[in-house]
Amino acid sequence: MAVAPDEAQRDTFRYRAMRDGLQSLDDTVPGKFEITKEGIVHDMMAPVGPHELTAARVSRRLEKVMPDEILAHTGTPDVEDEPEGIMRHPDIMVIAEADMEVQGSFDPRTLVAAVEIVSRTSPDNDWVGKMRDYPLLGIPVYVIFDPRTGSGAVLSDIHRTPDGPRYATRKDFVYGEDVTIADWTISTDNLPRYA
C-alpha cells in the first residue's frame, strides 16, 4: 500500500525541484535567481555601477570597523533554509569566517546581518520579499540601501506575529548619516545614486 506524502514532504520536493532547475539555468540565463515563499524571483538585469559601487563601499567600510574574524562578504554562495523553502543571495553577508567553512550554501542563522542594495528593476524584492523572508531565516539584522532615493533602513529585533516572524524595529536613514549595522557604525557619505 502506497502512502501519500504529507504536505511538508510535498513542499520539500517542490523546493528541491525549483532549486535543481535553477542550478541547471545558472550559466545559461542572465540575471540572478532566488527562491522565496511565493516562488522563484528572477532579476534579469545585471547589477549596474551604482549598485555594485554601493556594495563595495559598504563592505569596505564595515570591514574597517569589524574584528578581523568577521567579514562583509559580497560573493557566493547563497543562504538557504530547505525546510522553509527559501534560498536567497544577499548583496553583503556579515558573517564570521569560521561560519563560511562549509560545503554548499551558508546557514542563514550564522549571519550577523544581511545587507541589500535595492535594484532599480525590482525594488519590491528587497523592500517586501526579503523583509518577509529574512526574519523567517533567522537573520537578526537586515539593512537596505536604496540608490533610487538616497535612503535606507535597518531592521532588527525579530518577533513572532500571526503572519510569522517579522522585524519589530525599523530605523530609517538618509545618505550622509551614519548607520549602525549590528555592533558597527559606518558613514553613508558618498554612496552613489541611480541617475
N, C-alpha and C. Protein backbone atom coordinates (compact mmCIF):
# COMPACT_ATOMS: atom_id res chain seq x y z
N MET A 1 0.84 -1.17 0.00
CA MET A 1 0.00 0.00 0.00
C MET A 1 0.89 1.24 0.00
N ALA A 2 0.64 2.12 -0.92
CA ALA A 2 1.42 3.36 -1.02
C ALA A 2 0.87 4.39 -0.05
N VAL A 3 1.78 5.12 0.55
CA VAL A 3 1.40 6.17 1.48
C VAL A 3 1.61 7.51 0.78
N ALA A 4 0.59 8.33 0.80
CA ALA A 4 0.69 9.65 0.17
C ALA A 4 1.63 10.54 0.99
N PRO A 5 2.47 11.30 0.32
CA PRO A 5 3.36 12.20 1.07
C PRO A 5 2.56 13.29 1.77
N ASP A 6 3.03 13.66 2.96
CA ASP A 6 2.34 14.73 3.67
C ASP A 6 2.73 16.08 3.06
N GLU A 7 2.08 17.14 3.54
CA GLU A 7 2.30 18.47 2.96
C GLU A 7 3.75 18.92 3.08
N ALA A 8 4.41 18.64 4.21
CA ALA A 8 5.81 19.05 4.39
C ALA A 8 6.71 18.35 3.37
N GLN A 9 6.46 17.07 3.11
CA GLN A 9 7.25 16.35 2.12
C GLN A 9 7.03 16.93 0.72
N ARG A 10 5.77 17.25 0.40
CA ARG A 10 5.48 17.84 -0.91
C ARG A 10 6.20 19.19 -1.06
N ASP A 11 6.19 20.00 0.02
CA ASP A 11 6.88 21.28 -0.02
C ASP A 11 8.38 21.08 -0.23
N THR A 12 8.96 20.09 0.44
CA THR A 12 10.39 19.81 0.30
C THR A 12 10.70 19.36 -1.13
N PHE A 13 9.89 18.47 -1.69
CA PHE A 13 10.09 18.02 -3.07
C PHE A 13 9.97 19.19 -4.04
N ARG A 14 8.97 20.05 -3.83
CA ARG A 14 8.76 21.22 -4.69
C ARG A 14 9.96 22.15 -4.62
N TYR A 15 10.44 22.41 -3.40
CA TYR A 15 11.59 23.30 -3.23
C TYR A 15 12.82 22.72 -3.92
N ARG A 16 13.10 21.44 -3.69
CA ARG A 16 14.28 20.81 -4.31
C ARG A 16 14.19 20.85 -5.83
N ALA A 17 13.00 20.64 -6.37
CA ALA A 17 12.83 20.69 -7.83
C ALA A 17 13.12 22.10 -8.35
N MET A 18 12.64 23.14 -7.64
CA MET A 18 12.93 24.51 -8.06
C MET A 18 14.43 24.79 -7.97
N ARG A 19 15.05 24.37 -6.87
CA ARG A 19 16.49 24.62 -6.69
C ARG A 19 17.29 23.90 -7.77
N ASP A 20 16.97 22.65 -8.05
CA ASP A 20 17.69 21.90 -9.08
C ASP A 20 17.50 22.53 -10.45
N GLY A 21 16.29 23.00 -10.74
CA GLY A 21 16.03 23.66 -12.00
C GLY A 21 16.83 24.94 -12.15
N LEU A 22 16.92 25.71 -11.07
CA LEU A 22 17.69 26.95 -11.12
C LEU A 22 19.17 26.69 -11.29
N GLN A 23 19.68 25.65 -10.64
CA GLN A 23 21.10 25.32 -10.79
C GLN A 23 21.43 24.98 -12.23
N SER A 24 20.50 24.33 -12.93
CA SER A 24 20.76 23.98 -14.32
C SER A 24 20.70 25.21 -15.23
N LEU A 25 20.05 26.30 -14.79
CA LEU A 25 19.96 27.52 -15.58
C LEU A 25 21.06 28.53 -15.28
N ASP A 26 21.79 28.32 -14.18
CA ASP A 26 22.74 29.32 -13.69
C ASP A 26 23.65 29.90 -14.75
N ASP A 27 24.25 29.09 -15.58
CA ASP A 27 25.23 29.58 -16.55
C ASP A 27 24.62 29.90 -17.91
N THR A 28 23.32 29.64 -18.09
CA THR A 28 22.73 29.81 -19.40
C THR A 28 21.76 30.98 -19.50
N VAL A 29 21.22 31.43 -18.36
CA VAL A 29 20.24 32.52 -18.37
C VAL A 29 20.81 33.69 -17.57
N PRO A 30 20.81 34.89 -18.14
CA PRO A 30 21.36 36.04 -17.42
C PRO A 30 20.51 36.41 -16.21
N GLY A 31 21.14 37.08 -15.26
CA GLY A 31 20.43 37.54 -14.09
C GLY A 31 20.67 36.65 -12.89
N LYS A 32 19.90 36.92 -11.84
CA LYS A 32 20.04 36.23 -10.56
C LYS A 32 18.71 35.61 -10.18
N PHE A 33 18.75 34.36 -9.73
CA PHE A 33 17.55 33.65 -9.30
C PHE A 33 17.58 33.45 -7.79
N GLU A 34 16.41 33.56 -7.15
CA GLU A 34 16.26 33.26 -5.75
C GLU A 34 14.92 32.54 -5.57
N ILE A 35 14.81 31.77 -4.49
CA ILE A 35 13.56 31.09 -4.18
C ILE A 35 12.99 31.70 -2.91
N THR A 36 11.73 32.14 -2.99
CA THR A 36 11.06 32.78 -1.87
C THR A 36 9.88 31.93 -1.43
N LYS A 37 9.17 32.38 -0.42
CA LYS A 37 7.96 31.68 0.00
C LYS A 37 6.91 31.70 -1.10
N GLU A 38 6.97 32.69 -2.00
CA GLU A 38 6.00 32.80 -3.09
C GLU A 38 6.42 32.07 -4.36
N GLY A 39 7.67 31.65 -4.45
CA GLY A 39 8.16 31.00 -5.66
C GLY A 39 9.50 31.57 -6.09
N ILE A 40 9.77 31.55 -7.38
CA ILE A 40 11.06 31.97 -7.91
C ILE A 40 11.04 33.45 -8.25
N VAL A 41 12.11 34.15 -7.86
CA VAL A 41 12.32 35.55 -8.23
C VAL A 41 13.49 35.56 -9.20
N HIS A 42 13.32 36.24 -10.33
CA HIS A 42 14.38 36.36 -11.33
C HIS A 42 14.62 37.82 -11.61
N ASP A 43 15.78 38.31 -11.19
CA ASP A 43 16.20 39.67 -11.52
C ASP A 43 17.00 39.56 -12.81
N MET A 44 16.40 39.93 -13.92
CA MET A 44 17.01 39.72 -15.23
C MET A 44 18.18 40.65 -15.51
N MET A 45 18.22 41.76 -14.85
CA MET A 45 19.26 42.75 -15.12
C MET A 45 20.51 42.46 -14.30
N ALA A 46 21.66 42.59 -14.92
CA ALA A 46 22.90 42.53 -14.17
C ALA A 46 23.00 43.81 -13.35
N PRO A 47 23.53 43.73 -12.12
CA PRO A 47 23.64 44.95 -11.32
C PRO A 47 24.44 46.01 -12.05
N VAL A 48 23.98 47.27 -11.92
CA VAL A 48 24.64 48.39 -12.58
C VAL A 48 25.68 48.99 -11.65
N GLY A 49 26.49 49.90 -12.20
CA GLY A 49 27.59 50.51 -11.47
C GLY A 49 27.24 51.03 -10.08
N PRO A 50 26.20 51.88 -9.92
CA PRO A 50 25.89 52.39 -8.58
C PRO A 50 25.56 51.28 -7.58
N HIS A 51 24.90 50.24 -8.04
CA HIS A 51 24.58 49.10 -7.16
C HIS A 51 25.86 48.44 -6.67
N GLU A 52 26.74 48.11 -7.59
CA GLU A 52 27.98 47.42 -7.25
C GLU A 52 28.92 48.31 -6.44
N LEU A 53 28.98 49.60 -6.78
CA LEU A 53 29.84 50.51 -6.04
C LEU A 53 29.33 50.69 -4.60
N THR A 54 28.02 50.75 -4.43
CA THR A 54 27.45 50.83 -3.07
C THR A 54 27.83 49.60 -2.27
N ALA A 55 27.67 48.42 -2.86
CA ALA A 55 28.03 47.18 -2.16
C ALA A 55 29.51 47.19 -1.79
N ALA A 56 30.37 47.60 -2.69
CA ALA A 56 31.81 47.61 -2.42
C ALA A 56 32.16 48.60 -1.31
N ARG A 57 31.59 49.80 -1.37
CA ARG A 57 31.90 50.81 -0.35
C ARG A 57 31.38 50.41 1.03
N VAL A 58 30.15 49.90 1.08
CA VAL A 58 29.59 49.48 2.38
C VAL A 58 30.41 48.32 2.94
N SER A 59 30.75 47.35 2.10
CA SER A 59 31.55 46.20 2.55
C SER A 59 32.90 46.67 3.10
N ARG A 60 33.57 47.53 2.36
CA ARG A 60 34.88 48.02 2.79
C ARG A 60 34.77 48.79 4.11
N ARG A 61 33.77 49.65 4.22
CA ARG A 61 33.59 50.44 5.45
C ARG A 61 33.31 49.54 6.66
N LEU A 62 32.50 48.52 6.44
CA LEU A 62 32.23 47.58 7.54
C LEU A 62 33.49 46.85 7.97
N GLU A 63 34.25 46.36 6.99
CA GLU A 63 35.44 45.57 7.33
C GLU A 63 36.50 46.41 8.04
N LYS A 64 36.48 47.72 7.85
CA LYS A 64 37.43 48.58 8.57
C LYS A 64 37.11 48.68 10.06
N VAL A 65 35.86 48.49 10.45
CA VAL A 65 35.47 48.66 11.86
C VAL A 65 35.16 47.34 12.57
N MET A 66 35.05 46.25 11.83
CA MET A 66 34.72 44.95 12.43
C MET A 66 36.00 44.21 12.82
N PRO A 67 35.89 43.25 13.74
CA PRO A 67 37.06 42.41 14.05
C PRO A 67 37.48 41.61 12.81
N ASP A 68 38.74 41.22 12.78
CA ASP A 68 39.29 40.51 11.61
C ASP A 68 38.56 39.21 11.30
N GLU A 69 37.98 38.56 12.30
CA GLU A 69 37.34 37.26 12.05
C GLU A 69 35.92 37.39 11.49
N ILE A 70 35.43 38.62 11.34
CA ILE A 70 34.12 38.86 10.74
C ILE A 70 34.33 39.51 9.38
N LEU A 71 33.60 39.04 8.36
CA LEU A 71 33.71 39.58 7.01
C LEU A 71 32.39 40.21 6.57
N ALA A 72 32.50 41.17 5.68
CA ALA A 72 31.34 41.71 4.96
C ALA A 72 31.46 41.15 3.55
N HIS A 73 30.99 39.93 3.38
CA HIS A 73 31.21 39.11 2.19
C HIS A 73 30.24 39.47 1.07
N THR A 74 30.77 39.70 -0.13
CA THR A 74 29.92 40.06 -1.27
C THR A 74 29.86 38.98 -2.35
N GLY A 75 30.34 37.80 -2.05
CA GLY A 75 30.38 36.75 -3.08
C GLY A 75 29.31 35.70 -2.90
N THR A 76 29.62 34.52 -3.36
CA THR A 76 28.72 33.38 -3.25
C THR A 76 29.20 32.53 -2.08
N PRO A 77 28.45 31.59 -1.60
CA PRO A 77 27.19 31.04 -2.10
C PRO A 77 25.97 31.76 -1.54
N ASP A 78 24.81 31.16 -1.76
CA ASP A 78 23.56 31.67 -1.24
C ASP A 78 23.43 31.33 0.24
N VAL A 79 22.37 31.85 0.86
CA VAL A 79 21.92 31.36 2.16
C VAL A 79 20.65 30.57 1.87
N GLU A 80 20.51 29.46 2.58
CA GLU A 80 19.41 28.56 2.24
C GLU A 80 18.86 27.91 3.49
N ASP A 81 17.53 27.82 3.55
CA ASP A 81 16.83 27.06 4.59
C ASP A 81 15.83 26.16 3.88
N GLU A 82 16.23 24.92 3.65
CA GLU A 82 15.39 24.00 2.90
C GLU A 82 14.03 23.77 3.56
N PRO A 83 13.97 23.57 4.89
CA PRO A 83 12.64 23.38 5.49
C PRO A 83 11.69 24.56 5.27
N GLU A 84 12.22 25.79 5.24
CA GLU A 84 11.38 26.96 4.96
C GLU A 84 11.13 27.12 3.47
N GLY A 85 11.94 26.45 2.63
CA GLY A 85 11.78 26.57 1.19
C GLY A 85 12.25 27.91 0.66
N ILE A 86 13.36 28.42 1.24
CA ILE A 86 13.87 29.74 0.85
C ILE A 86 15.36 29.65 0.54
N MET A 87 15.75 30.24 -0.59
CA MET A 87 17.15 30.39 -0.96
C MET A 87 17.33 31.83 -1.44
N ARG A 88 18.15 32.58 -0.73
CA ARG A 88 18.37 33.99 -1.04
C ARG A 88 19.85 34.26 -1.21
N HIS A 89 20.16 35.37 -1.88
CA HIS A 89 21.55 35.77 -2.06
C HIS A 89 21.71 37.24 -1.69
N PRO A 90 22.02 37.53 -0.42
CA PRO A 90 22.21 38.92 -0.02
C PRO A 90 23.38 39.55 -0.78
N ASP A 91 23.28 40.85 -1.02
CA ASP A 91 24.38 41.57 -1.67
C ASP A 91 25.62 41.55 -0.78
N ILE A 92 25.42 41.70 0.53
CA ILE A 92 26.52 41.63 1.51
C ILE A 92 26.05 40.76 2.66
N MET A 93 26.89 39.81 3.04
CA MET A 93 26.61 38.96 4.20
C MET A 93 27.66 39.24 5.27
N VAL A 94 27.23 39.73 6.42
CA VAL A 94 28.14 39.92 7.55
C VAL A 94 28.16 38.58 8.28
N ILE A 95 29.33 37.94 8.26
CA ILE A 95 29.43 36.55 8.72
C ILE A 95 30.84 36.28 9.24
N ALA A 96 30.93 35.42 10.24
CA ALA A 96 32.24 35.01 10.74
C ALA A 96 32.91 34.11 9.73
N GLU A 97 34.23 34.26 9.59
CA GLU A 97 34.98 33.40 8.67
C GLU A 97 34.74 31.93 8.97
N ALA A 98 34.71 31.57 10.25
CA ALA A 98 34.52 30.17 10.64
C ALA A 98 33.20 29.62 10.11
N ASP A 99 32.16 30.46 10.02
CA ASP A 99 30.86 30.00 9.53
C ASP A 99 30.81 29.87 8.01
N MET A 100 31.87 30.31 7.34
CA MET A 100 31.95 30.17 5.89
C MET A 100 32.63 28.86 5.49
N GLU A 101 33.19 28.15 6.44
CA GLU A 101 33.92 26.92 6.15
C GLU A 101 32.96 25.74 6.04
N VAL A 102 32.05 25.82 5.08
CA VAL A 102 31.03 24.79 4.87
C VAL A 102 30.96 24.47 3.38
N GLN A 103 30.42 23.30 3.08
CA GLN A 103 30.14 22.93 1.71
C GLN A 103 28.74 23.40 1.37
N GLY A 104 28.54 23.96 0.21
CA GLY A 104 27.21 24.38 -0.20
C GLY A 104 26.83 25.73 0.38
N SER A 105 25.55 25.96 0.50
CA SER A 105 25.03 27.24 0.96
C SER A 105 25.36 27.51 2.42
N PHE A 106 25.42 28.81 2.75
CA PHE A 106 25.61 29.20 4.15
C PHE A 106 24.30 29.01 4.91
N ASP A 107 24.43 28.69 6.20
CA ASP A 107 23.28 28.63 7.09
C ASP A 107 22.89 30.07 7.40
N PRO A 108 21.67 30.49 7.07
CA PRO A 108 21.31 31.90 7.28
C PRO A 108 21.36 32.30 8.75
N ARG A 109 21.21 31.34 9.66
CA ARG A 109 21.23 31.66 11.09
C ARG A 109 22.63 31.99 11.60
N THR A 110 23.65 31.80 10.76
CA THR A 110 25.01 32.19 11.14
C THR A 110 25.33 33.62 10.74
N LEU A 111 24.49 34.24 9.92
CA LEU A 111 24.74 35.62 9.52
C LEU A 111 24.52 36.57 10.68
N VAL A 112 25.40 37.55 10.80
CA VAL A 112 25.22 38.62 11.77
C VAL A 112 24.24 39.64 11.18
N ALA A 113 24.34 39.85 9.87
CA ALA A 113 23.45 40.79 9.17
C ALA A 113 23.45 40.47 7.69
N ALA A 114 22.36 40.85 7.03
CA ALA A 114 22.26 40.80 5.57
C ALA A 114 22.05 42.24 5.11
N VAL A 115 22.78 42.62 4.05
CA VAL A 115 22.67 43.97 3.50
C VAL A 115 22.26 43.85 2.04
N GLU A 116 21.26 44.62 1.65
CA GLU A 116 20.81 44.64 0.26
C GLU A 116 20.90 46.05 -0.30
N ILE A 117 21.31 46.13 -1.55
CA ILE A 117 21.27 47.37 -2.30
C ILE A 117 20.11 47.22 -3.26
N VAL A 118 19.12 48.10 -3.15
CA VAL A 118 17.88 47.96 -3.91
C VAL A 118 18.17 48.02 -5.41
N SER A 119 17.62 47.06 -6.11
CA SER A 119 17.73 47.01 -7.57
C SER A 119 16.78 48.02 -8.18
N ARG A 120 17.24 48.67 -9.23
CA ARG A 120 16.38 49.61 -9.94
C ARG A 120 15.19 48.90 -10.56
N THR A 121 15.39 47.65 -10.99
CA THR A 121 14.34 46.94 -11.74
C THR A 121 13.37 46.16 -10.86
N SER A 122 13.76 45.82 -9.63
CA SER A 122 12.84 45.02 -8.79
C SER A 122 12.95 45.44 -7.32
N PRO A 123 12.56 46.68 -7.00
CA PRO A 123 12.69 47.16 -5.62
C PRO A 123 11.84 46.37 -4.62
N ASP A 124 10.71 45.84 -5.05
CA ASP A 124 9.86 45.09 -4.11
C ASP A 124 10.53 43.82 -3.61
N ASN A 125 11.47 43.28 -4.38
CA ASN A 125 12.20 42.10 -3.92
C ASN A 125 12.93 42.42 -2.61
N ASP A 126 13.51 43.62 -2.50
CA ASP A 126 14.24 44.00 -1.29
C ASP A 126 13.32 44.57 -0.21
N TRP A 127 12.38 45.44 -0.60
CA TRP A 127 11.53 46.13 0.37
C TRP A 127 10.36 45.28 0.87
N VAL A 128 9.96 44.26 0.13
CA VAL A 128 8.82 43.44 0.54
C VAL A 128 9.24 41.99 0.75
N GLY A 129 9.73 41.35 -0.30
CA GLY A 129 10.03 39.92 -0.23
C GLY A 129 11.11 39.58 0.79
N LYS A 130 12.22 40.28 0.75
CA LYS A 130 13.31 39.97 1.69
C LYS A 130 12.98 40.44 3.10
N MET A 131 12.18 41.51 3.21
CA MET A 131 11.75 41.95 4.53
C MET A 131 10.88 40.87 5.18
N ARG A 132 10.19 40.07 4.37
CA ARG A 132 9.40 38.95 4.87
C ARG A 132 10.27 37.71 5.10
N ASP A 133 11.18 37.41 4.15
CA ASP A 133 11.93 36.16 4.21
C ASP A 133 13.07 36.17 5.21
N TYR A 134 13.78 37.29 5.37
CA TYR A 134 14.96 37.29 6.24
C TYR A 134 14.63 37.00 7.70
N PRO A 135 13.54 37.52 8.28
CA PRO A 135 13.24 37.09 9.65
C PRO A 135 12.84 35.62 9.72
N LEU A 136 12.20 35.10 8.67
CA LEU A 136 11.88 33.66 8.63
C LEU A 136 13.16 32.83 8.66
N LEU A 137 14.23 33.35 8.04
CA LEU A 137 15.50 32.66 8.00
C LEU A 137 16.31 32.85 9.29
N GLY A 138 15.86 33.73 10.17
CA GLY A 138 16.56 33.97 11.43
C GLY A 138 17.72 34.95 11.31
N ILE A 139 17.76 35.76 10.25
CA ILE A 139 18.83 36.75 10.08
C ILE A 139 18.49 37.93 10.99
N PRO A 140 19.31 38.19 12.02
CA PRO A 140 18.91 39.15 13.06
C PRO A 140 18.85 40.61 12.63
N VAL A 141 19.65 41.00 11.65
CA VAL A 141 19.68 42.39 11.19
C VAL A 141 19.61 42.40 9.67
N TYR A 142 18.70 43.21 9.13
CA TYR A 142 18.56 43.37 7.69
C TYR A 142 18.67 44.86 7.38
N VAL A 143 19.60 45.21 6.48
CA VAL A 143 19.84 46.61 6.13
C VAL A 143 19.60 46.80 4.64
N ILE A 144 18.86 47.86 4.32
CA ILE A 144 18.52 48.17 2.94
C ILE A 144 19.10 49.54 2.58
N PHE A 145 19.89 49.58 1.50
CA PHE A 145 20.37 50.83 0.93
C PHE A 145 19.62 51.01 -0.39
N ASP A 146 19.01 52.17 -0.59
CA ASP A 146 18.20 52.39 -1.79
C ASP A 146 18.77 53.54 -2.62
N PRO A 147 19.58 53.23 -3.66
CA PRO A 147 20.16 54.27 -4.51
C PRO A 147 19.12 55.05 -5.32
N ARG A 148 17.89 54.59 -5.38
CA ARG A 148 16.84 55.35 -6.07
C ARG A 148 16.48 56.61 -5.30
N THR A 149 16.50 56.51 -3.95
CA THR A 149 16.03 57.60 -3.10
C THR A 149 17.12 58.20 -2.23
N GLY A 150 18.29 57.56 -2.15
CA GLY A 150 19.34 58.02 -1.27
C GLY A 150 18.96 57.84 0.19
N SER A 151 18.30 56.74 0.48
CA SER A 151 17.86 56.46 1.85
C SER A 151 17.91 54.96 2.09
N GLY A 152 17.55 54.56 3.30
CA GLY A 152 17.53 53.14 3.61
C GLY A 152 16.93 52.90 4.98
N ALA A 153 17.07 51.66 5.44
CA ALA A 153 16.50 51.27 6.73
C ALA A 153 17.31 50.12 7.31
N VAL A 154 17.37 50.10 8.64
CA VAL A 154 17.95 48.99 9.39
C VAL A 154 16.81 48.33 10.14
N LEU A 155 16.63 47.03 9.90
CA LEU A 155 15.55 46.28 10.56
C LEU A 155 16.17 45.25 11.49
N SER A 156 15.59 45.12 12.69
CA SER A 156 16.15 44.19 13.68
C SER A 156 15.06 43.76 14.65
N ASP A 157 15.46 42.99 15.66
CA ASP A 157 14.56 42.53 16.73
C ASP A 157 13.41 41.67 16.18
N ILE A 158 13.75 40.48 15.73
CA ILE A 158 12.74 39.56 15.21
C ILE A 158 11.76 39.20 16.33
N HIS A 159 10.48 39.25 15.99
CA HIS A 159 9.45 38.84 16.95
C HIS A 159 8.37 38.06 16.19
N ARG A 160 7.61 37.29 16.93
CA ARG A 160 6.54 36.47 16.35
C ARG A 160 5.29 37.32 16.12
N THR A 161 4.64 37.09 14.97
CA THR A 161 3.36 37.71 14.67
C THR A 161 2.43 36.61 14.16
N PRO A 162 1.14 36.89 14.03
CA PRO A 162 0.24 35.88 13.45
C PRO A 162 0.64 35.47 12.03
N ASP A 163 1.34 36.35 11.31
CA ASP A 163 1.78 36.05 9.95
C ASP A 163 3.19 35.48 9.89
N GLY A 164 3.78 35.17 11.05
CA GLY A 164 5.13 34.62 11.10
C GLY A 164 6.10 35.64 11.66
N PRO A 165 7.38 35.27 11.75
CA PRO A 165 8.37 36.19 12.31
C PRO A 165 8.50 37.46 11.46
N ARG A 166 8.67 38.59 12.15
CA ARG A 166 8.86 39.87 11.49
C ARG A 166 9.85 40.69 12.30
N TYR A 167 10.43 41.70 11.66
CA TYR A 167 11.31 42.63 12.38
C TYR A 167 10.44 43.62 13.15
N ALA A 168 10.76 43.83 14.43
CA ALA A 168 9.99 44.75 15.27
C ALA A 168 10.52 46.17 15.23
N THR A 169 11.80 46.34 14.93
CA THR A 169 12.42 47.66 14.98
C THR A 169 12.89 48.06 13.58
N ARG A 170 12.56 49.28 13.21
CA ARG A 170 13.00 49.83 11.93
C ARG A 170 13.56 51.23 12.17
N LYS A 171 14.80 51.44 11.73
CA LYS A 171 15.45 52.75 11.84
C LYS A 171 15.78 53.22 10.43
N ASP A 172 15.08 54.25 9.98
CA ASP A 172 15.31 54.80 8.65
C ASP A 172 16.52 55.74 8.69
N PHE A 173 17.20 55.86 7.56
CA PHE A 173 18.31 56.79 7.43
C PHE A 173 18.33 57.38 6.03
N VAL A 174 19.02 58.50 5.89
CA VAL A 174 19.25 59.09 4.57
C VAL A 174 20.75 59.10 4.35
N TYR A 175 21.14 59.02 3.08
CA TYR A 175 22.55 59.04 2.75
C TYR A 175 23.19 60.32 3.32
N GLY A 176 24.36 60.16 3.89
CA GLY A 176 25.06 61.24 4.56
C GLY A 176 25.07 61.05 6.07
N GLU A 177 24.10 60.29 6.59
CA GLU A 177 24.06 59.99 8.02
C GLU A 177 24.89 58.74 8.31
N ASP A 178 25.34 58.62 9.55
CA ASP A 178 25.96 57.37 9.98
C ASP A 178 24.85 56.34 10.20
N VAL A 179 25.19 55.08 9.95
CA VAL A 179 24.23 53.99 10.14
C VAL A 179 24.90 52.90 10.96
N THR A 180 24.15 52.33 11.90
CA THR A 180 24.67 51.25 12.73
C THR A 180 24.11 49.93 12.23
N ILE A 181 25.02 49.02 11.90
CA ILE A 181 24.69 47.69 11.41
C ILE A 181 25.22 46.71 12.45
N ALA A 182 24.31 46.06 13.16
CA ALA A 182 24.66 45.18 14.29
C ALA A 182 25.45 46.02 15.30
N ASP A 183 26.73 45.73 15.52
CA ASP A 183 27.53 46.44 16.52
C ASP A 183 28.44 47.51 15.93
N TRP A 184 28.34 47.79 14.62
CA TRP A 184 29.31 48.66 13.96
C TRP A 184 28.62 49.82 13.26
N THR A 185 29.21 50.98 13.38
CA THR A 185 28.66 52.18 12.76
C THR A 185 29.57 52.62 11.62
N ILE A 186 28.95 52.91 10.47
CA ILE A 186 29.69 53.36 9.29
C ILE A 186 29.03 54.61 8.73
N SER A 187 29.77 55.33 7.92
CA SER A 187 29.26 56.50 7.22
C SER A 187 28.52 56.08 5.96
N THR A 188 27.50 56.85 5.59
CA THR A 188 26.84 56.64 4.30
C THR A 188 27.17 57.78 3.34
N ASP A 189 28.20 58.57 3.67
CA ASP A 189 28.65 59.64 2.77
C ASP A 189 29.13 59.05 1.45
N ASN A 190 28.93 59.79 0.37
CA ASN A 190 29.46 59.45 -0.95
C ASN A 190 29.00 58.10 -1.49
N LEU A 191 27.80 57.68 -1.15
CA LEU A 191 27.25 56.49 -1.79
C LEU A 191 26.53 56.93 -3.05
N PRO A 192 26.72 56.22 -4.16
CA PRO A 192 26.15 56.67 -5.43
C PRO A 192 24.64 56.49 -5.47
N ARG A 193 24.03 57.28 -6.34
CA ARG A 193 22.58 57.20 -6.59
C ARG A 193 22.38 56.77 -8.04
N TYR A 194 21.23 56.18 -8.33
CA TYR A 194 20.88 55.91 -9.72
C TYR A 194 20.56 57.24 -10.40
N ALA A 195 20.99 57.37 -11.65
CA ALA A 195 20.74 58.62 -12.40
C ALA A 195 19.30 58.69 -12.84
